[in-house]
């Protein structure tokens, strides 16, 4: 296990051995691979990427909570038509 992972698990107060076992498991690797492939299929190039009702929302990092709320409300209104 990397020093950084040890540092993060200690800071979070979780069992580093359990985290190491999880990160090294075949199931975790399969889940990550499925997630990576899905990201490629929908052309995710960066995180975070947000979709609302299947529509990609632009750069959410610079978006205020008010603007994001307005986008969500717009999508709710449009999907109800």
N, C-alpha and C. Protein backbone atom coordinates (compact mmCIF):
# COMPACT_ATOMS: atom_id res chain seq x y z
N UNK A 1 0.85 -1.18 0.00
CA UNK A 1 0.00 0.00 0.00
C UNK A 1 0.90 1.24 0.00
N UNK A 2 0.49 2.25 -0.73
CA UNK A 2 1.31 3.46 -0.84
C UNK A 2 1.24 4.27 0.45
N UNK A 3 2.25 5.09 0.63
CA UNK A 3 2.27 5.96 1.81
C UNK A 3 1.08 6.92 1.80
N UNK A 4 0.72 7.42 0.61
CA UNK A 4 -0.39 8.35 0.52
C UNK A 4 -1.70 7.68 0.94
N UNK A 5 -1.90 6.44 0.49
CA UNK A 5 -3.11 5.71 0.88
C UNK A 5 -3.12 5.49 2.38
N UNK A 6 -1.98 5.14 2.96
CA UNK A 6 -1.89 5.00 4.42
C UNK A 6 -2.26 6.30 5.12
N UNK A 7 -1.74 7.39 4.59
CA UNK A 7 -2.01 8.71 5.16
C UNK A 7 -3.50 9.05 5.10
N UNK A 8 -4.11 8.78 3.95
CA UNK A 8 -5.54 9.09 3.79
C UNK A 8 -6.42 8.21 4.66
N UNK A 9 -6.10 6.93 4.76
CA UNK A 9 -6.91 6.04 5.59
C UNK A 9 -6.79 6.41 7.06
N UNK A 10 -5.59 6.76 7.47
CA UNK A 10 -5.39 7.16 8.87
C UNK A 10 -6.18 8.43 9.18
N UNK A 11 -6.14 9.39 8.25
CA UNK A 11 -6.86 10.65 8.46
C UNK A 11 -8.37 10.43 8.49
N UNK A 12 -8.84 9.45 7.74
CA UNK A 12 -10.27 9.16 7.69
C UNK A 12 -10.71 8.26 8.84
N UNK A 13 -9.75 7.69 9.55
CA UNK A 13 -10.08 6.83 10.67
C UNK A 13 -10.60 5.47 10.26
N UNK A 14 -10.16 4.98 9.11
CA UNK A 14 -10.60 3.66 8.64
C UNK A 14 -9.44 2.68 8.71
N UNK A 15 -9.77 1.42 8.62
CA UNK A 15 -8.79 0.34 8.70
C UNK A 15 -8.00 0.24 7.40
N UNK A 16 -6.73 0.58 7.46
CA UNK A 16 -5.88 0.60 6.26
C UNK A 16 -5.78 -0.79 5.63
N UNK A 17 -5.77 -1.84 6.42
CA UNK A 17 -5.67 -3.19 5.88
C UNK A 17 -6.92 -3.55 5.08
N UNK A 18 -8.08 -3.14 5.57
CA UNK A 18 -9.33 -3.42 4.84
C UNK A 18 -9.36 -2.64 3.52
N UNK A 19 -8.89 -1.40 3.56
CA UNK A 19 -8.85 -0.59 2.35
C UNK A 19 -7.89 -1.22 1.34
N UNK A 20 -6.74 -1.66 1.81
CA UNK A 20 -5.77 -2.29 0.91
C UNK A 20 -6.35 -3.55 0.30
N UNK A 21 -7.06 -4.34 1.10
CA UNK A 21 -7.67 -5.57 0.58
C UNK A 21 -8.71 -5.24 -0.48
N UNK A 22 -9.48 -4.19 -0.24
CA UNK A 22 -10.52 -3.78 -1.20
C UNK A 22 -9.88 -3.29 -2.49
N UNK A 23 -8.89 -2.42 -2.39
CA UNK A 23 -8.29 -1.85 -3.60
C UNK A 23 -7.56 -2.90 -4.43
N UNK A 24 -7.11 -3.96 -3.79
CA UNK A 24 -6.39 -4.99 -4.51
C UNK A 24 -7.25 -6.13 -5.01
N UNK A 25 -8.55 -6.08 -4.70
CA UNK A 25 -9.41 -7.21 -5.06
C UNK A 25 -9.77 -7.21 -6.54
N UNK A 26 -10.01 -8.40 -7.07
CA UNK A 26 -10.41 -8.54 -8.47
C UNK A 26 -11.75 -7.87 -8.70
N UNK A 27 -12.67 -7.97 -7.74
CA UNK A 27 -13.99 -7.33 -7.89
C UNK A 27 -13.86 -5.82 -8.04
N UNK A 28 -13.00 -5.20 -7.22
CA UNK A 28 -12.80 -3.75 -7.32
C UNK A 28 -12.19 -3.39 -8.66
N UNK A 29 -11.23 -4.17 -9.10
CA UNK A 29 -10.60 -3.89 -10.40
C UNK A 29 -11.62 -4.00 -11.53
N UNK A 30 -12.52 -4.98 -11.46
CA UNK A 30 -13.57 -5.14 -12.48
C UNK A 30 -14.53 -3.96 -12.46
N UNK A 31 -14.92 -3.53 -11.26
CA UNK A 31 -15.83 -2.38 -11.15
C UNK A 31 -15.20 -1.12 -11.73
N UNK A 32 -13.92 -0.92 -11.43
CA UNK A 32 -13.22 0.25 -11.96
C UNK A 32 -13.11 0.20 -13.48
N UNK A 33 -12.85 -0.98 -14.02
CA UNK A 33 -12.75 -1.13 -15.47
C UNK A 33 -14.08 -0.86 -16.14
N UNK A 34 -15.18 -1.35 -15.55
CA UNK A 34 -16.52 -1.08 -16.10
C UNK A 34 -16.81 0.42 -16.06
N UNK A 35 -16.43 1.06 -14.97
CA UNK A 35 -16.64 2.51 -14.84
C UNK A 35 -15.81 3.28 -15.86
N UNK A 36 -14.56 2.86 -16.06
CA UNK A 36 -13.69 3.52 -17.04
C UNK A 36 -14.25 3.39 -18.44
N UNK A 37 -14.72 2.18 -18.78
CA UNK A 37 -15.28 1.96 -20.11
C UNK A 37 -16.54 2.80 -20.33
N UNK A 38 -17.38 2.87 -19.31
CA UNK A 38 -18.58 3.70 -19.42
C UNK A 38 -18.20 5.16 -19.63
N UNK A 39 -17.19 5.63 -18.90
CA UNK A 39 -16.71 7.00 -19.08
C UNK A 39 -16.24 7.26 -20.50
N UNK A 40 -15.55 6.30 -21.08
CA UNK A 40 -15.11 6.44 -22.47
C UNK A 40 -16.29 6.49 -23.41
N UNK A 41 -17.29 5.63 -23.17
CA UNK A 41 -18.47 5.57 -24.04
C UNK A 41 -19.23 6.89 -24.07
N UNK A 42 -19.31 7.57 -22.93
CA UNK A 42 -20.04 8.85 -22.89
C UNK A 42 -19.10 10.04 -22.97
N UNK A 43 -17.84 9.75 -23.34
CA UNK A 43 -16.83 10.76 -23.61
C UNK A 43 -16.53 11.67 -22.43
N UNK A 44 -16.34 11.07 -21.26
CA UNK A 44 -15.93 11.81 -20.09
C UNK A 44 -14.43 12.06 -20.21
N UNK A 45 -14.04 13.32 -20.14
CA UNK A 45 -12.62 13.66 -20.25
C UNK A 45 -12.07 14.22 -18.94
N UNK A 46 -12.95 14.55 -18.00
CA UNK A 46 -12.49 15.15 -16.74
C UNK A 46 -13.51 14.89 -15.65
N UNK A 47 -13.05 15.01 -14.43
CA UNK A 47 -13.96 14.92 -13.29
C UNK A 47 -13.90 16.23 -12.53
N UNK A 48 -14.98 16.69 -11.98
CA UNK A 48 -16.29 16.06 -12.09
C UNK A 48 -16.96 16.40 -13.41
N UNK A 49 -17.72 15.49 -13.93
CA UNK A 49 -18.59 15.73 -15.08
C UNK A 49 -20.00 15.41 -14.60
N UNK A 50 -20.92 16.31 -14.85
CA UNK A 50 -22.28 16.16 -14.34
C UNK A 50 -23.25 16.05 -15.50
N UNK A 51 -24.16 15.09 -15.38
CA UNK A 51 -25.24 14.92 -16.34
C UNK A 51 -26.55 15.12 -15.61
N UNK A 52 -27.45 15.87 -16.21
CA UNK A 52 -28.79 16.05 -15.67
C UNK A 52 -29.76 15.67 -16.77
N UNK A 53 -30.59 14.65 -16.50
CA UNK A 53 -31.51 14.11 -17.50
C UNK A 53 -30.79 13.73 -18.79
N UNK A 54 -29.59 13.19 -18.64
CA UNK A 54 -28.84 12.73 -19.80
C UNK A 54 -28.09 13.83 -20.54
N UNK A 55 -28.23 15.05 -20.11
CA UNK A 55 -27.56 16.17 -20.77
C UNK A 55 -26.31 16.57 -19.98
N UNK A 56 -25.19 16.65 -20.67
CA UNK A 56 -23.95 17.04 -20.01
C UNK A 56 -24.02 18.51 -19.62
N UNK A 57 -23.71 18.79 -18.38
CA UNK A 57 -23.65 20.17 -17.88
C UNK A 57 -22.21 20.61 -18.01
N UNK A 58 -22.00 21.86 -18.37
CA UNK A 58 -20.65 22.39 -18.59
C UNK A 58 -19.77 22.32 -17.35
N UNK A 59 -18.82 23.20 -17.26
CA UNK A 59 -17.86 23.22 -16.17
C UNK A 59 -18.54 23.53 -14.85
N UNK A 60 -18.82 22.49 -14.06
CA UNK A 60 -19.52 22.68 -12.80
C UNK A 60 -18.62 23.23 -11.71
N UNK A 61 -17.31 23.15 -11.89
CA UNK A 61 -16.40 23.66 -10.86
C UNK A 61 -16.53 25.16 -10.69
N UNK A 62 -16.79 25.87 -11.76
CA UNK A 62 -16.93 27.31 -11.67
C UNK A 62 -18.38 27.77 -11.53
N UNK A 63 -19.28 26.83 -11.40
CA UNK A 63 -20.71 27.13 -11.37
C UNK A 63 -21.17 27.37 -9.94
N UNK A 64 -21.90 28.46 -9.75
CA UNK A 64 -22.43 28.74 -8.41
C UNK A 64 -23.59 27.80 -8.12
N UNK A 65 -23.90 27.66 -6.86
CA UNK A 65 -25.02 26.81 -6.46
C UNK A 65 -26.33 27.32 -7.05
N UNK A 66 -26.47 28.62 -7.16
CA UNK A 66 -27.70 29.20 -7.72
C UNK A 66 -27.87 28.84 -9.19
N UNK A 67 -26.78 28.90 -9.95
CA UNK A 67 -26.84 28.56 -11.37
C UNK A 67 -27.12 27.07 -11.53
N UNK A 68 -26.45 26.25 -10.75
CA UNK A 68 -26.69 24.81 -10.82
C UNK A 68 -28.13 24.48 -10.48
N UNK A 69 -28.67 25.13 -9.47
CA UNK A 69 -30.07 24.92 -9.10
C UNK A 69 -30.99 25.32 -10.25
N UNK A 70 -30.69 26.42 -10.91
CA UNK A 70 -31.50 26.86 -12.04
C UNK A 70 -31.45 25.85 -13.19
N UNK A 71 -30.29 25.27 -13.44
CA UNK A 71 -30.16 24.26 -14.49
C UNK A 71 -31.01 23.04 -14.15
N UNK A 72 -30.95 22.58 -12.90
CA UNK A 72 -31.73 21.43 -12.47
C UNK A 72 -33.22 21.74 -12.59
N UNK A 73 -33.63 22.91 -12.13
CA UNK A 73 -35.05 23.28 -12.21
C UNK A 73 -35.52 23.37 -13.66
N UNK A 74 -34.68 23.89 -14.55
CA UNK A 74 -35.02 23.95 -15.96
C UNK A 74 -35.23 22.54 -16.51
N UNK A 75 -34.33 21.63 -16.19
CA UNK A 75 -34.45 20.25 -16.68
C UNK A 75 -35.70 19.58 -16.14
N UNK A 76 -36.04 19.84 -14.89
CA UNK A 76 -37.26 19.27 -14.31
C UNK A 76 -38.48 19.79 -15.06
N UNK A 77 -38.50 21.08 -15.33
CA UNK A 77 -39.61 21.70 -16.05
C UNK A 77 -39.72 21.16 -17.47
N UNK A 78 -38.57 21.08 -18.17
CA UNK A 78 -38.57 20.61 -19.55
C UNK A 78 -38.95 19.15 -19.66
N UNK A 79 -38.54 18.33 -18.70
CA UNK A 79 -38.85 16.91 -18.78
C UNK A 79 -40.31 16.64 -18.49
N UNK A 80 -40.98 17.58 -17.85
CA UNK A 80 -42.40 17.40 -17.53
C UNK A 80 -43.34 17.81 -18.66
N UNK A 81 -42.77 18.36 -19.73
CA UNK A 81 -43.62 18.83 -20.84
C UNK A 81 -44.03 17.69 -21.74
